[in-house]
Amino acid sequence: MTNQLSERFSEKRDDPTIVRGADPFGFWQAWMDGSGQFIRAMNQEWLDYAERRTADELTFPLRLIGCYRSSDLVHVFFDLWRRSWEDYANEMVRLSRIQETVANATLKEVQDSTAMTSLQRMN
């Protein structure tokens, strides 16, 4: 269906309202592919993060049981909060890197799609 719409669009080359070299359907396809990659990568990373945090927090009661003094108890609680904060901060960095990687790949794909469309129209 995209090819039929793209062909219809290319038939209207003389229409002054259409920007030469632009193919909205190629752009849309590249954008949707990039969005799909982004959503998959973000979901996978977030599930991995939740799994890591859950595993860490499930060991918390075992660490509490091993406390003999109140200072051990305080140490275990602060250690849990410190690791949680560090994991959360590291996860935000990972998610930002995924966003950057997918955004750059999508932009390149859109630019390549637009360049190919321009070359096809010139020939």
PDB file of N, CA and C in Angstrom:
ATOM      1  N   MET A   1       0.821  -1.189   0.000  1.00  0.00           N
ATOM      2  CA  MET A   1       0.000   0.000   0.000  1.00  0.00           C
ATOM      3  C   MET A   1       0.869   1.259   0.000  1.00  0.00           C
ATOM      4  N   THR A   2       1.967   1.221   0.730  1.00  0.00           N
ATOM      5  CA  THR A   2       2.856   2.381   0.769  1.00  0.00           C
ATOM      6  C   THR A   2       3.396   2.692  -0.611  1.00  0.00           C
ATOM      7  N   ASN A   3       3.715   1.645  -1.394  1.00  0.00           N
ATOM      8  CA  ASN A   3       4.238   1.874  -2.743  1.00  0.00           C
ATOM      9  C   ASN A   3       3.199   2.555  -3.624  1.00  0.00           C
ATOM     10  N   GLN A   4       1.926   2.146  -3.504  1.00  0.00           N
ATOM     11  CA  GLN A   4       0.868   2.765  -4.305  1.00  0.00           C
ATOM     12  C   GLN A   4       0.720   4.240  -3.941  1.00  0.00           C
ATOM     13  N   LEU A   5       0.749   4.534  -2.652  1.00  0.00           N
ATOM     14  CA  LEU A   5       0.626   5.922  -2.221  1.00  0.00           C
ATOM     15  C   LEU A   5       1.835   6.734  -2.655  1.00  0.00           C
ATOM     16  N   SER A   6       3.008   6.114  -2.563  1.00  0.00           N
ATOM     17  CA  SER A   6       4.222   6.797  -2.972  1.00  0.00           C
ATOM     18  C   SER A   6       4.212   7.070  -4.470  1.00  0.00           C
ATOM     19  N   GLU A   7       3.704   6.103  -5.255  1.00  0.00           N
ATOM     20  CA  GLU A   7       3.606   6.304  -6.698  1.00  0.00           C
ATOM     21  C   GLU A   7       2.625   7.427  -7.022  1.00  0.00           C
ATOM     22  N   ARG A   8       1.483   7.441  -6.328  1.00  0.00           N
ATOM     23  CA  ARG A   8       0.514   8.519  -6.540  1.00  0.00           C
ATOM     24  C   ARG A   8       1.130   9.874  -6.227  1.00  0.00           C
ATOM     25  N   PHE A   9       1.906   9.884  -5.165  1.00  0.00           N
ATOM     26  CA  PHE A   9       2.561  11.134  -4.771  1.00  0.00           C
ATOM     27  C   PHE A   9       3.548  11.574  -5.838  1.00  0.00           C
ATOM     28  N   SER A  10       4.313  10.628  -6.377  1.00  0.00           N
ATOM     29  CA  SER A  10       5.318  10.990  -7.372  1.00  0.00           C
ATOM     30  C   SER A  10       4.682  11.393  -8.698  1.00  0.00           C
ATOM     31  N   GLU A  11       3.436  10.986  -8.953  1.00  0.00           N
ATOM     32  CA  GLU A  11       2.738  11.401 -10.174  1.00  0.00           C
ATOM     33  C   GLU A  11       2.429  12.897 -10.152  1.00  0.00           C
ATOM     34  N   LYS A  12       2.351  13.479  -8.983  1.00  0.00           N
ATOM     35  CA  LYS A  12       1.968  14.888  -8.841  1.00  0.00           C
ATOM     36  C   LYS A  12       3.202  15.776  -8.727  1.00  0.00           C
ATOM     37  N   ARG A  13       4.207  15.528  -9.527  1.00  0.00           N
ATOM     38  CA  ARG A  13       5.450  16.288  -9.444  1.00  0.00           C
ATOM     39  C   ARG A  13       5.271  17.767  -9.753  1.00  0.00           C
ATOM     40  N   ASP A  14       4.352  18.080 -10.611  1.00  0.00           N
ATOM     41  CA  ASP A  14       4.200  19.473 -11.041  1.00  0.00           C
ATOM     42  C   ASP A  14       3.372  20.303 -10.061  1.00  0.00           C
ATOM     43  N   ASP A  15       2.858  19.697  -9.044  1.00  0.00           N
ATOM     44  CA  ASP A  15       2.056  20.415  -8.053  1.00  0.00           C
ATOM     45  C   ASP A  15       2.971  21.331  -7.244  1.00  0.00           C
ATOM     46  N   PRO A  16       2.758  22.640  -7.274  1.00  0.00           N
ATOM     47  CA  PRO A  16       3.648  23.568  -6.565  1.00  0.00           C
ATOM     48  C   PRO A  16       3.551  23.477  -5.046  1.00  0.00           C
ATOM     49  N   THR A  17       2.522  22.849  -4.544  1.00  0.00           N
ATOM     50  CA  THR A  17       2.386  22.747  -3.086  1.00  0.00           C
ATOM     51  C   THR A  17       3.244  21.632  -2.506  1.00  0.00           C
ATOM     52  N   ILE A  18       3.798  20.794  -3.368  1.00  0.00           N
ATOM     53  CA  ILE A  18       4.609  19.677  -2.911  1.00  0.00           C
ATOM     54  C   ILE A  18       6.080  20.067  -2.978  1.00  0.00           C
ATOM     55  N   VAL A  19       6.783  19.834  -1.886  1.00  0.00           N
ATOM     56  CA  VAL A  19       8.206  20.147  -1.823  1.00  0.00           C
ATOM     57  C   VAL A  19       8.963  19.109  -2.644  1.00  0.00           C
ATOM     58  N   ARG A  20       9.777  19.572  -3.582  1.00  0.00           N
ATOM     59  CA  ARG A  20      10.533  18.648  -4.433  1.00  0.00           C
ATOM     60  C   ARG A  20      11.516  17.851  -3.582  1.00  0.00           C
ATOM     61  N   GLY A  21      11.613  16.572  -3.883  1.00  0.00           N
ATOM     62  CA  GLY A  21      12.566  15.713  -3.184  1.00  0.00           C
ATOM     63  C   GLY A  21      12.037  15.150  -1.880  1.00  0.00           C
ATOM     64  N   ALA A  22      10.859  15.548  -1.483  1.00  0.00           N
ATOM     65  CA  ALA A  22      10.318  15.052  -0.219  1.00  0.00           C
ATOM     66  C   ALA A  22       9.399  13.877  -0.490  1.00  0.00           C
ATOM     67  N   ASP A  23       9.546  12.843   0.243  1.00  0.00           N
ATOM     68  CA  ASP A  23       8.666  11.679   0.141  1.00  0.00           C
ATOM     69  C   ASP A  23       8.125  11.407   1.540  1.00  0.00           C
ATOM     70  N   PRO A  24       6.934  11.891   1.833  1.00  0.00           N
ATOM     71  CA  PRO A  24       6.429  11.729   3.197  1.00  0.00           C
ATOM     72  C   PRO A  24       6.236  10.278   3.586  1.00  0.00           C
ATOM     73  N   PHE A  25       6.009   9.399   2.621  1.00  0.00           N
ATOM     74  CA  PHE A  25       5.786   7.997   2.958  1.00  0.00           C
ATOM     75  C   PHE A  25       7.099   7.301   3.309  1.00  0.00           C
ATOM     76  N   GLY A  26       8.181   7.635   2.610  1.00  0.00           N
ATOM     77  CA  GLY A  26       9.491   7.109   2.970  1.00  0.00           C
ATOM     78  C   GLY A  26       9.919   7.610   4.336  1.00  0.00           C
ATOM     79  N   PHE A  27       9.653   8.891   4.580  1.00  0.00           N
ATOM     80  CA  PHE A  27       9.968   9.489   5.878  1.00  0.00           C
ATOM     81  C   PHE A  27       9.165   8.793   6.970  1.00  0.00           C
ATOM     82  N   TRP A  28       7.881   8.602   6.722  1.00  0.00           N
ATOM     83  CA  TRP A  28       7.002   7.982   7.713  1.00  0.00           C
ATOM     84  C   TRP A  28       7.464   6.562   8.022  1.00  0.00           C
ATOM     85  N   GLN A  29       7.826   5.800   6.988  1.00  0.00           N
ATOM     86  CA  GLN A  29       8.290   4.426   7.198  1.00  0.00           C
ATOM     87  C   GLN A  29       9.563   4.404   8.035  1.00  0.00           C
ATOM     88  N   ALA A  30      10.497   5.285   7.706  1.00  0.00           N
ATOM     89  CA  ALA A  30      11.747   5.353   8.477  1.00  0.00           C
ATOM     90  C   ALA A  30      11.462   5.762   9.922  1.00  0.00           C
ATOM     91  N   TRP A  31      10.565   6.694  10.084  1.00  0.00           N
ATOM     92  CA  TRP A  31      10.206   7.158  11.432  1.00  0.00           C
ATOM     93  C   TRP A  31       9.575   6.031  12.243  1.00  0.00           C
ATOM     94  N   MET A  32       8.671   5.283  11.639  1.00  0.00           N
ATOM     95  CA  MET A  32       7.999   4.191  12.345  1.00  0.00           C
ATOM     96  C   MET A  32       8.981   3.069  12.680  1.00  0.00           C
ATOM     97  N   ASP A  33       9.903   2.764  11.756  1.00  0.00           N
ATOM     98  CA  ASP A  33      10.919   1.744  12.053  1.00  0.00           C
ATOM     99  C   ASP A  33      11.763   2.170  13.248  1.00  0.00           C
ATOM    100  N   GLY A  34      12.168   3.428  13.260  1.00  0.00           N
ATOM    101  CA  GLY A  34      12.955   3.946  14.375  1.00  0.00           C
ATOM    102  C   GLY A  34      12.178   3.938  15.680  1.00  0.00           C
ATOM    103  N   SER A  35      10.897   4.269  15.606  1.00  0.00           N
ATOM    104  CA  SER A  35      10.054   4.266  16.810  1.00  0.00           C
ATOM    105  C   SER A  35       9.925   2.853  17.371  1.00  0.00           C
ATOM    106  N   GLY A  36       9.770   1.880  16.478  1.00  0.00           N
ATOM    107  CA  GLY A  36       9.668   0.490  16.928  1.00  0.00           C
ATOM    108  C   GLY A  36      10.939   0.032  17.614  1.00  0.00           C
ATOM    109  N   GLN A  37      12.091   0.394  17.035  1.00  0.00           N
ATOM    110  CA  GLN A  37      13.375   0.041  17.649  1.00  0.00           C
ATOM    111  C   GLN A  37      13.503   0.694  19.019  1.00  0.00           C
ATOM    112  N   PHE A  38      13.103   1.940  19.092  1.00  0.00           N
ATOM    113  CA  PHE A  38      13.198   2.693  20.344  1.00  0.00           C
ATOM    114  C   PHE A  38      12.347   2.044  21.430  1.00  0.00           C
ATOM    115  N   ILE A  39      11.122   1.726  21.100  1.00  0.00           N
ATOM    116  CA  ILE A  39      10.204   1.145  22.089  1.00  0.00           C
ATOM    117  C   ILE A  39      10.715  -0.218  22.556  1.00  0.00           C
ATOM    118  N   ARG A  40      11.185  -1.037  21.614  1.00  0.00           N
ATOM    119  CA  ARG A  40      11.718  -2.348  22.000  1.00  0.00           C
ATOM    120  C   ARG A  40      12.936  -2.208  22.910  1.00  0.00           C
ATOM    121  N   ALA A  41      13.859  -1.349  22.531  1.00  0.00           N
ATOM    122  CA  ALA A  41      15.081  -1.176  23.333  1.00  0.00           C
ATOM    123  C   ALA A  41      14.763  -0.619  24.716  1.00  0.00           C
ATOM    124  N   MET A  42      13.870   0.359  24.785  1.00  0.00           N
ATOM    125  CA  MET A  42      13.514   0.945  26.085  1.00  0.00           C
ATOM    126  C   MET A  42      12.809  -0.075  26.970  1.00  0.00           C
ATOM    127  N   ASN A  43      11.890  -0.828  26.400  1.00  0.00           N
ATOM    128  CA  ASN A  43      11.181  -1.837  27.187  1.00  0.00           C
ATOM    129  C   ASN A  43      12.144  -2.894  27.719  1.00  0.00           C
ATOM    130  N   GLN A  44      13.040  -3.364  26.861  1.00  0.00           N
ATOM    131  CA  GLN A  44      13.993  -4.387  27.291  1.00  0.00           C
ATOM    132  C   GLN A  44      14.900  -3.859  28.400  1.00  0.00           C
ATOM    133  N   GLU A  45      15.393  -2.645  28.229  1.00  0.00           N
ATOM    134  CA  GLU A  45      16.287  -2.071  29.247  1.00  0.00           C
ATOM    135  C   GLU A  45      15.543  -1.866  30.566  1.00  0.00           C
ATOM    136  N   TRP A  46      14.322  -1.390  30.490  1.00  0.00           N
ATOM    137  CA  TRP A  46      13.563  -1.147  31.719  1.00  0.00           C
ATOM    138  C   TRP A  46      13.242  -2.464  32.426  1.00  0.00           C
ATOM    139  N   LEU A  47      12.922  -3.501  31.681  1.00  0.00           N
ATOM    140  CA  LEU A  47      12.669  -4.806  32.296  1.00  0.00           C
ATOM    141  C   LEU A  47      13.942  -5.363  32.935  1.00  0.00           C
ATOM    142  N   ASP A  48      15.071  -5.181  32.268  1.00  0.00           N
ATOM    143  CA  ASP A  48      16.349  -5.615  32.856  1.00  0.00           C
ATOM    144  C   ASP A  48      16.625  -4.873  34.161  1.00  0.00           C
ATOM    145  N   TYR A  49      16.353  -3.567  34.167  1.00  0.00           N
ATOM    146  CA  TYR A  49      16.551  -2.763  35.376  1.00  0.00           C
ATOM    147  C   TYR A  49      15.642  -3.266  36.501  1.00  0.00           C
ATOM    148  N   ALA A  50      14.377  -3.491  36.188  1.00  0.00           N
ATOM    149  CA  ALA A  50      13.428  -3.967  37.209  1.00  0.00           C
ATOM    150  C   ALA A  50      13.858  -5.322  37.753  1.00  0.00           C
ATOM    151  N   GLU A  51      14.375  -6.174  36.881  1.00  0.00           N
ATOM    152  CA  GLU A  51      14.846  -7.486  37.324  1.00  0.00           C
ATOM    153  C   GLU A  51      16.055  -7.352  38.258  1.00  0.00           C
ATOM    154  N   ARG A  52      16.984  -6.483  37.898  1.00  0.00           N
ATOM    155  CA  ARG A  52      18.164  -6.268  38.764  1.00  0.00           C
ATOM    156  C   ARG A  52      17.757  -5.710  40.119  1.00  0.00           C
ATOM    157  N   ARG A  53      16.872  -4.717  40.118  1.00  0.00           N
ATOM    158  CA  ARG A  53      16.454  -4.107  41.379  1.00  0.00           C
ATOM    159  C   ARG A  53      15.674  -5.102  42.235  1.00  0.00           C
ATOM    160  N   THR A  54      14.823  -5.882  41.620  1.00  0.00           N
ATOM    161  CA  THR A  54      14.037  -6.860  42.368  1.00  0.00           C
ATOM    162  C   THR A  54      14.958  -7.900  43.007  1.00  0.00           C
ATOM    163  N   ALA A  55      15.920  -8.380  42.261  1.00  0.00           N
ATOM    164  CA  ALA A  55      16.858  -9.365  42.806  1.00  0.00           C
ATOM    165  C   ALA A  55      17.621  -8.779  43.995  1.00  0.00           C
ATOM    166  N   ASP A  56      18.040  -7.521  43.879  1.00  0.00           N
ATOM    167  CA  ASP A  56      18.774  -6.876  44.965  1.00  0.00           C
ATOM    168  C   ASP A  56      17.882  -6.696  46.192  1.00  0.00           C
ATOM    169  N   GLU A  57      16.649  -6.286  45.960  1.00  0.00           N
ATOM    170  CA  GLU A  57      15.764  -6.018  47.100  1.00  0.00           C
ATOM    171  C   GLU A  57      15.242  -7.290  47.740  1.00  0.00           C
ATOM    172  N   LEU A  58      15.203  -8.380  46.996  1.00  0.00           N
ATOM    173  CA  LEU A  58      14.780  -9.646  47.600  1.00  0.00           C
ATOM    174  C   LEU A  58      15.843 -10.215  48.538  1.00  0.00           C
ATOM    175  N   THR A  59      17.081  -9.812  48.351  1.00  0.00           N
ATOM    176  CA  THR A  59      18.133 -10.268  49.272  1.00  0.00           C
ATOM    177  C   THR A  59      18.198  -9.402  50.532  1.00  0.00           C
ATOM    178  N   PHE A  60      17.466  -8.302  50.544  1.00  0.00           N
ATOM    179  CA  PHE A  60      17.484  -7.386  51.681  1.00  0.00           C
ATOM    180  C   PHE A  60      17.077  -8.059  52.996  1.00  0.00           C
ATOM    181  N   PRO A  61      15.984  -8.836  53.036  1.00  0.00           N
ATOM    182  CA  PRO A  61      15.632  -9.490  54.309  1.00  0.00           C
ATOM    183  C   PRO A  61      16.731 -10.426  54.820  1.00  0.00           C
ATOM    184  N   LEU A  62      17.420 -11.090  53.899  1.00  0.00           N
ATOM    185  CA  LEU A  62      18.507 -11.984  54.331  1.00  0.00           C
ATOM    186  C   LEU A  62      19.647 -11.185  54.969  1.00  0.00           C
ATOM    187  N   ARG A  63      19.900 -10.021  54.429  1.00  0.00           N
ATOM    188  CA  ARG A  63      20.947  -9.174  55.019  1.00  0.00           C
ATOM    189  C   ARG A  63      20.505  -8.645  56.381  1.00  0.00           C
ATOM    190  N   LEU A  64      19.214  -8.359  56.525  1.00  0.00           N
ATOM    191  CA  LEU A  64      18.701  -7.894  57.827  1.00  0.00           C
ATOM    192  C   LEU A  64      18.839  -8.979  58.888  1.00  0.00           C
ATOM    193  N   ILE A  65      18.586 -10.201  58.486  1.00  0.00           N
ATOM    194  CA  ILE A  65      18.685 -11.316  59.442  1.00  0.00           C
ATOM    195  C   ILE A  65      20.111 -11.448  59.979  1.00  0.00           C
ATOM    196  N   GLY A  66      21.072 -11.110  59.147  1.00  0.00           N
ATOM    197  CA  GLY A  66      22.471 -11.231  59.562  1.00  0.00           C
ATOM    198  C   GLY A  66      22.954 -10.102  60.460  1.00  0.00           C
ATOM    199  N   CYS A  67      22.107  -9.143  60.777  1.00  0.00           N
ATOM    200  CA  CYS A  67      22.511  -8.012  61.626  1.00  0.00           C
ATOM    201  C   CYS A  67      22.466  -8.421  63.102  1.00  0.00           C
ATOM    202  N   TYR A  68      23.564  -8.147  63.812  1.00  0.00           N
ATOM    203  CA  TYR A  68      23.633  -8.454  65.234  1.00  0.00           C
ATOM    204  C   TYR A  68      23.579  -7.190  66.088  1.00  0.00           C
ATOM    205  N   ARG A  69      23.991  -6.074  65.515  1.00  0.00           N
ATOM    206  CA  ARG A  69      23.994  -4.812  66.257  1.00  0.00           C
ATOM    207  C   ARG A  69      23.155  -3.791  65.495  1.00  0.00           C
ATOM    208  N   SER A  70      22.796  -2.727  66.193  1.00  0.00           N
ATOM    209  CA  SER A  70      22.016  -1.679  65.534  1.00  0.00           C
ATOM    210  C   SER A  70      22.846  -0.972  64.464  1.00  0.00           C
ATOM    211  N   SER A  71      24.143  -0.892  64.646  1.00  0.00           N
ATOM    212  CA  SER A  71      25.002  -0.269  63.634  1.00  0.00           C
ATOM    213  C   SER A  71      25.014  -1.101  62.345  1.00  0.00           C
ATOM    214  N   ASP A  72      24.921  -2.438  62.470  1.00  0.00           N
ATOM    215  CA  ASP A  72      24.826  -3.294  61.286  1.00  0.00           C
ATOM    216  C   ASP A  72      23.516  -3.030  60.543  1.00  0.00           C
ATOM    217  N   LEU A  73      22.453  -2.861  61.310  1.00  0.00           N
ATOM    218  CA  LEU A  73      21.135  -2.587  60.729  1.00  0.00           C
ATOM    219  C   LEU A  73      21.154  -1.279  59.940  1.00  0.00           C
ATOM    220  N   VAL A  74      21.730  -0.248  60.531  1.00  0.00           N
ATOM    221  CA  VAL A  74      21.833   1.050  59.852  1.00  0.00           C
ATOM    222  C   VAL A  74      22.675   0.912  58.591  1.00  0.00           C
ATOM    223  N   HIS A  75      23.772   0.178  58.685  1.00  0.00           N
ATOM    224  CA  HIS A  75      24.642  -0.022  57.529  1.00  0.00           C
ATOM    225  C   HIS A  75      23.896  -0.728  56.388  1.00  0.00           C
ATOM    226  N   VAL A  76      23.124  -1.754  56.717  1.00  0.00           N
ATOM    227  CA  VAL A  76      22.378  -2.508  55.698  1.00  0.00           C
ATOM    228  C   VAL A  76      21.340  -1.609  55.029  1.00  0.00           C
ATOM    229  N   PHE A  77      20.617  -0.813  55.815  1.00  0.00           N
ATOM    230  CA  PHE A  77      19.611   0.090  55.237  1.00  0.00           C
ATOM    231  C   PHE A  77      20.261   1.135  54.325  1.00  0.00           C
ATOM    232  N   PHE A  78      21.313   1.759  54.799  1.00  0.00           N
ATOM    233  CA  PHE A  78      21.982   2.776  53.975  1.00  0.00           C
ATOM    234  C   PHE A  78      22.605   2.172  52.721  1.00  0.00           C
ATOM    235  N   ASP A  79      23.106   0.969  52.849  1.00  0.00           N
ATOM    236  CA  ASP A  79      23.683   0.293  51.683  1.00  0.00           C
ATOM    237  C   ASP A  79      22.597   0.024  50.631  1.00  0.00           C
ATOM    238  N   LEU A  80      21.421  -0.405  51.086  1.00  0.00           N
ATOM    239  CA  LEU A  80      20.309  -0.627  50.152  1.00  0.00           C
ATOM    240  C   LEU A  80      19.927   0.673  49.449  1.00  0.00           C
ATOM    241  N   TRP A  81      19.774   1.747  50.195  1.00  0.00           N
ATOM    242  CA  TRP A  81      19.390   3.030  49.594  1.00  0.00           C
ATOM    243  C   TRP A  81      20.474   3.555  48.666  1.00  0.00           C
ATOM    244  N   ARG A  82      21.725   3.389  49.023  1.00  0.00           N
ATOM    245  CA  ARG A  82      22.825   3.845  48.165  1.00  0.00           C
ATOM    246  C   ARG A  82      22.837   3.094  46.839  1.00  0.00           C
ATOM    247  N   ARG A  83      22.727   1.763  46.923  1.00  0.00           N
ATOM    248  CA  ARG A  83      22.716   0.962  45.696  1.00  0.00           C
ATOM    249  C   ARG A  83      21.493   1.266  44.840  1.00  0.00           C
ATOM    250  N   SER A  84      20.358   1.466  45.483  1.00  0.00           N
ATOM    251  CA  SER A  84      19.141   1.809  44.732  1.00  0.00           C
ATOM    252  C   SER A  84      19.332   3.123  43.983  1.00  0.00           C
ATOM    253  N   TRP A  85      19.876   4.115  44.668  1.00  0.00           N
ATOM    254  CA  TRP A  85      20.098   5.424  44.043  1.00  0.00           C
ATOM    255  C   TRP A  85      21.103   5.318  42.898  1.00  0.00           C
ATOM    256  N   GLU A  86      22.189   4.584  43.104  1.00  0.00           N
ATOM    257  CA  GLU A  86      23.193   4.417  42.048  1.00  0.00           C
ATOM    258  C   GLU A  86      22.622   3.675  40.846  1.00  0.00           C
ATOM    259  N   ASP A  87      21.856   2.612  41.110  1.00  0.00           N
ATOM    260  CA  ASP A  87      21.235   1.865  40.010  1.00  0.00           C
ATOM    261  C   ASP A  87      20.273   2.741  39.223  1.00  0.00           C
ATOM    262  N   TYR A  88      19.485   3.535  39.932  1.00  0.00           N
ATOM    263  CA  TYR A  88      18.520   4.405  39.260  1.00  0.00           C
ATOM    264  C   TYR A  88      19.250   5.441  38.398  1.00  0.00           C
ATOM    265  N   ALA A  89      20.301   6.047  38.947  1.00  0.00           N
ATOM    266  CA  ALA A  89      21.067   7.042  38.181  1.00  0.00           C
ATOM    267  C   ALA A  89      21.729   6.396  36.962  1.00  0.00           C
ATOM    268  N   ASN A  90      22.300   5.218  37.132  1.00  0.00           N
ATOM    269  CA  ASN A  90      22.919   4.516  36.000  1.00  0.00           C
ATOM    270  C   ASN A  90      21.883   4.131  34.950  1.00  0.00           C
ATOM    271  N   GLU A  91      20.699   3.773  35.399  1.00  0.00           N
ATOM    272  CA  GLU A  91      19.638   3.407  34.453  1.00  0.00           C
ATOM    273  C   GLU A  91      19.218   4.606  33.608  1.00  0.00           C
ATOM    274  N   MET A  92      19.164   5.771  34.218  1.00  0.00           N
ATOM    275  CA  MET A  92      18.813   6.972  33.448  1.00  0.00           C
ATOM    276  C   MET A  92      19.866   7.262  32.373  1.00  0.00           C
ATOM    277  N   VAL A  93      21.126   6.999  32.700  1.00  0.00           N
ATOM    278  CA  VAL A  93      22.205   7.171  31.706  1.00  0.00           C
ATOM    279  C   VAL A  93      22.029   6.168  30.575  1.00  0.00           C
ATOM    280  N   ARG A  94      21.736   4.921  30.920  1.00  0.00           N
ATOM    281  CA  ARG A  94      21.534   3.898  29.885  1.00  0.00           C
ATOM    282  C   ARG A  94      20.358   4.254  28.977  1.00  0.00           C
ATOM    283  N   LEU A  95      19.248   4.679  29.576  1.00  0.00           N
ATOM    284  CA  LEU A  95      18.070   5.039  28.779  1.00  0.00           C
ATOM    285  C   LEU A  95      18.367   6.231  27.878  1.00  0.00           C
ATOM    286  N   SER A  96      19.125   7.182  28.367  1.00  0.00           N
ATOM    287  CA  SER A  96      19.513   8.337  27.546  1.00  0.00           C
ATOM    288  C   SER A  96      20.377   7.899  26.368  1.00  0.00           C
ATOM    289  N   ARG A  97      21.275   6.965  26.601  1.00  0.00           N
ATOM    290  CA  ARG A  97      22.127   6.465  25.508  1.00  0.00           C
ATOM    291  C   ARG A  97      21.299   5.726  24.468  1.00  0.00           C
ATOM    292  N   ILE A  98      20.322   4.959  24.918  1.00  0.00           N
ATOM    293  CA  ILE A  98      19.438   4.268  23.975  1.00  0.00           C
ATOM    294  C   ILE A  98      18.679   5.295  23.139  1.00  0.00           C
ATOM    295  N   GLN A  99      18.147   6.324  23.789  1.00  0.00           N
ATOM    296  CA  GLN A  99      17.427   7.367  23.054  1.00  0.00           C
ATOM    297  C   GLN A  99      18.327   8.020  22.021  1.00  0.00           C
ATOM    298  N   GLU A 100      19.544   8.334  22.409  1.00  0.00           N
ATOM    299  CA  GLU A 100      20.480   8.989  21.493  1.00  0.00           C
ATOM    300  C   GLU A 100      20.820   8.083  20.316  1.00  0.00           C
ATOM    301  N   THR A 101      21.101   6.819  20.596  1.00  0.00           N
ATOM    302  CA  THR A 101      21.467   5.871  19.545  1.00  0.00           C
ATOM    303  C   THR A 101      20.335   5.684  18.540  1.00  0.00           C
ATOM    304  N   VAL A 102      19.129   5.474  19.051  1.00  0.00           N
ATOM    305  CA  VAL A 102      17.992   5.251  18.159  1.00  0.00           C
ATOM    306  C   VAL A 102      17.634   6.526  17.402  1.00  0.00           C
ATOM    307  N   ALA A 103      17.717   7.671  18.061  1.00  0.00           N
ATOM    308  CA  ALA A 103      17.422   8.938  17.383  1.00  0.00           C
ATOM    309  C   ALA A 103      18.414   9.186  16.254  1.00  0.00           C
ATOM    310  N   ASN A 104      19.690   8.930  16.488  1.00  0.00           N
ATOM    311  CA  ASN A 104      20.692   9.107  15.435  1.00  0.00           C
ATOM    312  C   ASN A 104      20.466   8.137  14.284  1.00  0.00           C
ATOM    313  N   ALA A 105      20.151   6.890  14.599  1.00  0.00           N
ATOM    314  CA  ALA A 105      19.900   5.898  13.550  1.00  0.00           C
ATOM    315  C   ALA A 105      18.663   6.270  12.735  1.00  0.00           C
ATOM    316  N   THR A 106      17.613   6.724  13.407  1.00  0.00           N
ATOM    317  CA  THR A 106      16.388   7.124  12.713  1.00  0.00           C
ATOM    318  C   THR A 106      16.641   8.336  11.833  1.00  0.00           C
ATOM    319  N   LEU A 107      17.370   9.303  12.349  1.00  0.00           N
ATOM    320  CA  LEU A 107      17.684  10.499  11.560  1.00  0.00           C
ATOM    321  C   LEU A 107      18.480  10.127  10.320  1.00  0.00           C
ATOM    322  N   LYS A 108      19.446   9.240  10.475  1.00  0.00           N
ATOM    323  CA  LYS A 108      20.246   8.811   9.319  1.00  0.00           C
ATOM    324  C   LYS A 108      19.366   8.097   8.303  1.00  0.00           C
ATOM    325  N   GLU A 109      18.470   7.251   8.792  1.00  0.00           N
ATOM    326  CA  GLU A 109      17.573   6.520   7.902  1.00  0.00           C
ATOM    327  C   GLU A 109      16.644   7.472   7.147  1.00  0.00           C
ATOM    328  N   VAL A 110      16.123   8.472   7.848  1.00  0.00           N
ATOM    329  CA  VAL A 110      15.255   9.461   7.213  1.00  0.00           C
ATOM    330  C   VAL A 110      16.037  10.258   6.179  1.00  0.00           C
ATOM    331  N   GLN A 111      17.259  10.670   6.520  1.00  0.00           N
ATOM    332  CA  GLN A 111      18.079  11.422   5.572  1.00  0.00           C
ATOM    333  C   GLN A 111      18.411  10.572   4.352  1.00  0.00           C
ATOM    334  N   ASP A 112      18.744   9.301   4.561  1.00  0.00           N
ATOM    335  CA  ASP A 112      19.038   8.413   3.442  1.00  0.00           C
ATOM    336  C   ASP A 112      17.806   8.219   2.565  1.00  0.00           C
ATOM    337  N   SER A 113      16.651   8.068   3.195  1.00  0.00           N
ATOM    338  CA  SER A 113      15.403   7.900   2.449  1.00  0.00           C
ATOM    339  C   SER A 113      15.101   9.134   1.610  1.00  0.00           C
ATOM    340  N   THR A 114      15.290  10.305   2.195  1.00  0.00           N
ATOM    341  CA  THR A 114      15.043  11.554   1.476  1.00  0.00           C
ATOM    342  C   THR A 114      16.051  11.729   0.353  1.00  0.00           C
ATOM    343  N   ALA A 115      17.306  11.391   0.597  1.00  0.00           N
ATOM    344  CA  ALA A 115      18.342  11.514  -0.435  1.00  0.00           C
ATOM    345  C   ALA A 115      18.064  10.566  -1.594  1.00  0.00           C
ATOM    346  N   MET A 116      17.662   9.335  -1.288  1.00  0.00           N
ATOM    347  CA  MET A 116      17.350   8.376  -2.349  1.00  0.00           C
ATOM    348  C   MET A 116      16.165   8.857  -3.168  1.00  0.00           C
ATOM    349  N   THR A 117      15.157   9.406  -2.512  1.00  0.00           N
ATOM    350  CA  THR A 117      13.986   9.913  -3.223  1.00  0.00           C
ATOM    351  C   THR A 117      14.391  11.067  -4.134  1.00  0.00           C
ATOM    352  N   SER A 118      15.254  11.936  -3.652  1.00  0.00           N
ATOM    353  CA  SER A 118      15.720  13.061  -4.463  1.00  0.00           C
ATOM    354  C   SER A 118      16.489  12.576  -5.684  1.00  0.00           C
ATOM    355  N   LEU A 119      17.354  11.568  -5.487  1.00  0.00           N
ATOM    356  CA  LEU A 119      18.118  11.022  -6.605  1.00  0.00           C
ATOM    357  C   LEU A 119      17.209  10.361  -7.624  1.00  0.00           C
ATOM    358  N   GLN A 120      16.192   9.651  -7.146  1.00  0.00           N
ATOM    359  CA  GLN A 120      15.254   8.987  -8.057  1.00  0.00           C
ATOM    360  C   GLN A 120      14.477  10.006  -8.865  1.00  0.00           C
ATOM    361  N   ARG A 121      14.115  11.103  -8.247  1.00  0.00           N
ATOM    362  CA  ARG A 121      13.349  12.129  -8.966  1.00  0.00           C
ATOM    363  C   ARG A 121      14.209  12.867  -9.990  1.00  0.00           C
ATOM    364  N   MET A 122      15.510  12.982  -9.704  1.00  0.00           N
ATOM    365  CA  MET A 122      16.388  13.670 -10.633  1.00  0.00           C
ATOM    366  C   MET A 122      16.626  12.847 -11.902  1.00  0.00           C
ATOM    367  N   ASN A 123      16.574  11.527 -11.759  1.00  0.00           N
ATOM    368  CA  ASN A 123      16.826  10.645 -12.909  1.00  0.00           C
ATOM    369  C   ASN A 123      15.608  10.427 -13.698  1.00  0.00           C
TER     370      ASN A 123
END
